[in-house]
Amino acid sequence: MKIRDHLKTEQFRQLEKMKQRKEKVDWRELMGMNKQTLKRGRGGAMKRKV
């Protein structure tokens, strides 16, 4: 079964409108995979993890 089988008609229409947009969605950024990572350095100060 596909997702569209579970959607109401108005939700399905909104999904179709979203597909028609030409914008590319960066899923990694939305999921938070590209955010800055920090670690504790000497003396307990936070530094960027390299």
C-alpha atoms as a PDB file:
ATOM      1  CA  MET A   1       0.000   0.000   0.000  1.00  0.00           C
ATOM      2  CA  LYS A   2       1.253   3.456  -0.851  1.00  0.00           C
ATOM      3  CA  ILE A   3       1.082   6.604   1.238  1.00  0.00           C
ATOM      4  CA  ARG A   4      -1.387   8.255  -1.103  1.00  0.00           C
ATOM      5  CA  ASP A   5      -3.905   5.476  -0.392  1.00  0.00           C
ATOM      6  CA  HIS A   6      -4.029   6.606   3.247  1.00  0.00           C
ATOM      7  CA  LEU A   7      -4.417  10.338   2.509  1.00  0.00           C
ATOM      8  CA  LYS A   8      -7.661  12.259   2.294  1.00  0.00           C
ATOM      9  CA  THR A   9      -8.414  13.918  -1.042  1.00  0.00           C
ATOM     10  CA  GLU A  10      -7.477  17.424   0.118  1.00  0.00           C
ATOM     11  CA  GLN A  11      -4.196  16.162   1.588  1.00  0.00           C
ATOM     12  CA  PHE A  12      -3.478  14.371  -1.677  1.00  0.00           C
ATOM     13  CA  ARG A  13      -4.050  17.600  -3.627  1.00  0.00           C
ATOM     14  CA  GLN A  14      -1.595  19.454  -1.384  1.00  0.00           C
ATOM     15  CA  LEU A  15       0.969  16.704  -1.940  1.00  0.00           C
ATOM     16  CA  GLU A  16       0.565  17.046  -5.704  1.00  0.00           C
ATOM     17  CA  LYS A  17       1.060  20.819  -5.461  1.00  0.00           C
ATOM     18  CA  MET A  18       4.276  20.253  -3.511  1.00  0.00           C
ATOM     19  CA  LYS A  19       5.559  17.921  -6.230  1.00  0.00           C
ATOM     20  CA  GLN A  20       4.981  20.592  -8.884  1.00  0.00           C
ATOM     21  CA  ARG A  21       7.342  23.031  -7.182  1.00  0.00           C
ATOM     22  CA  LYS A  22      10.781  23.282  -8.713  1.00  0.00           C
ATOM     23  CA  GLU A  23      12.608  23.786  -5.407  1.00  0.00           C
ATOM     24  CA  LYS A  24      15.053  21.154  -4.306  1.00  0.00           C
ATOM     25  CA  VAL A  25      14.820  20.132  -0.668  1.00  0.00           C
ATOM     26  CA  ASP A  26      18.054  19.411   1.164  1.00  0.00           C
ATOM     27  CA  TRP A  27      16.935  16.538   3.384  1.00  0.00           C
ATOM     28  CA  ARG A  28      20.268  16.309   5.189  1.00  0.00           C
ATOM     29  CA  GLU A  29      19.930  19.895   6.364  1.00  0.00           C
ATOM     30  CA  LEU A  30      16.330  19.355   7.463  1.00  0.00           C
ATOM     31  CA  MET A  31      17.311  16.289   9.467  1.00  0.00           C
ATOM     32  CA  GLY A  32      20.139  18.194  11.169  1.00  0.00           C
ATOM     33  CA  MET A  33      23.055  16.220   9.750  1.00  0.00           C
ATOM     34  CA  ASN A  34      24.999  19.316   8.629  1.00  0.00           C
ATOM     35  CA  LYS A  35      24.983  21.152  11.925  1.00  0.00           C
ATOM     36  CA  GLN A  36      28.126  22.114  13.784  1.00  0.00           C
ATOM     37  CA  THR A  37      29.541  19.507  16.168  1.00  0.00           C
ATOM     38  CA  LEU A  38      31.422  20.476  19.311  1.00  0.00           C
ATOM     39  CA  LYS A  39      33.600  18.650  21.807  1.00  0.00           C
ATOM     40  CA  ARG A  40      35.266  19.561  25.068  1.00  0.00           C
ATOM     41  CA  GLY A  41      38.883  20.599  24.762  1.00  0.00           C
ATOM     42  CA  ARG A  42      41.522  21.203  27.408  1.00  0.00           C
ATOM     43  CA  GLY A  43      40.147  22.922  30.453  1.00  0.00           C
ATOM     44  CA  GLY A  44      36.551  22.092  29.512  1.00  0.00           C
ATOM     45  CA  ALA A  45      36.206  24.700  26.766  1.00  0.00           C
ATOM     46  CA  MET A  46      33.951  23.823  23.823  1.00  0.00           C
ATOM     47  CA  LYS A  47      35.735  23.580  20.471  1.00  0.00           C
ATOM     48  CA  ARG A  48      34.700  22.595  16.998  1.00  0.00           C
ATOM     49  CA  LYS A  49      35.212  18.927  16.237  1.00  0.00           C
ATOM     50  CA  VAL A  50      37.506  18.498  13.225  1.00  0.00           C
END
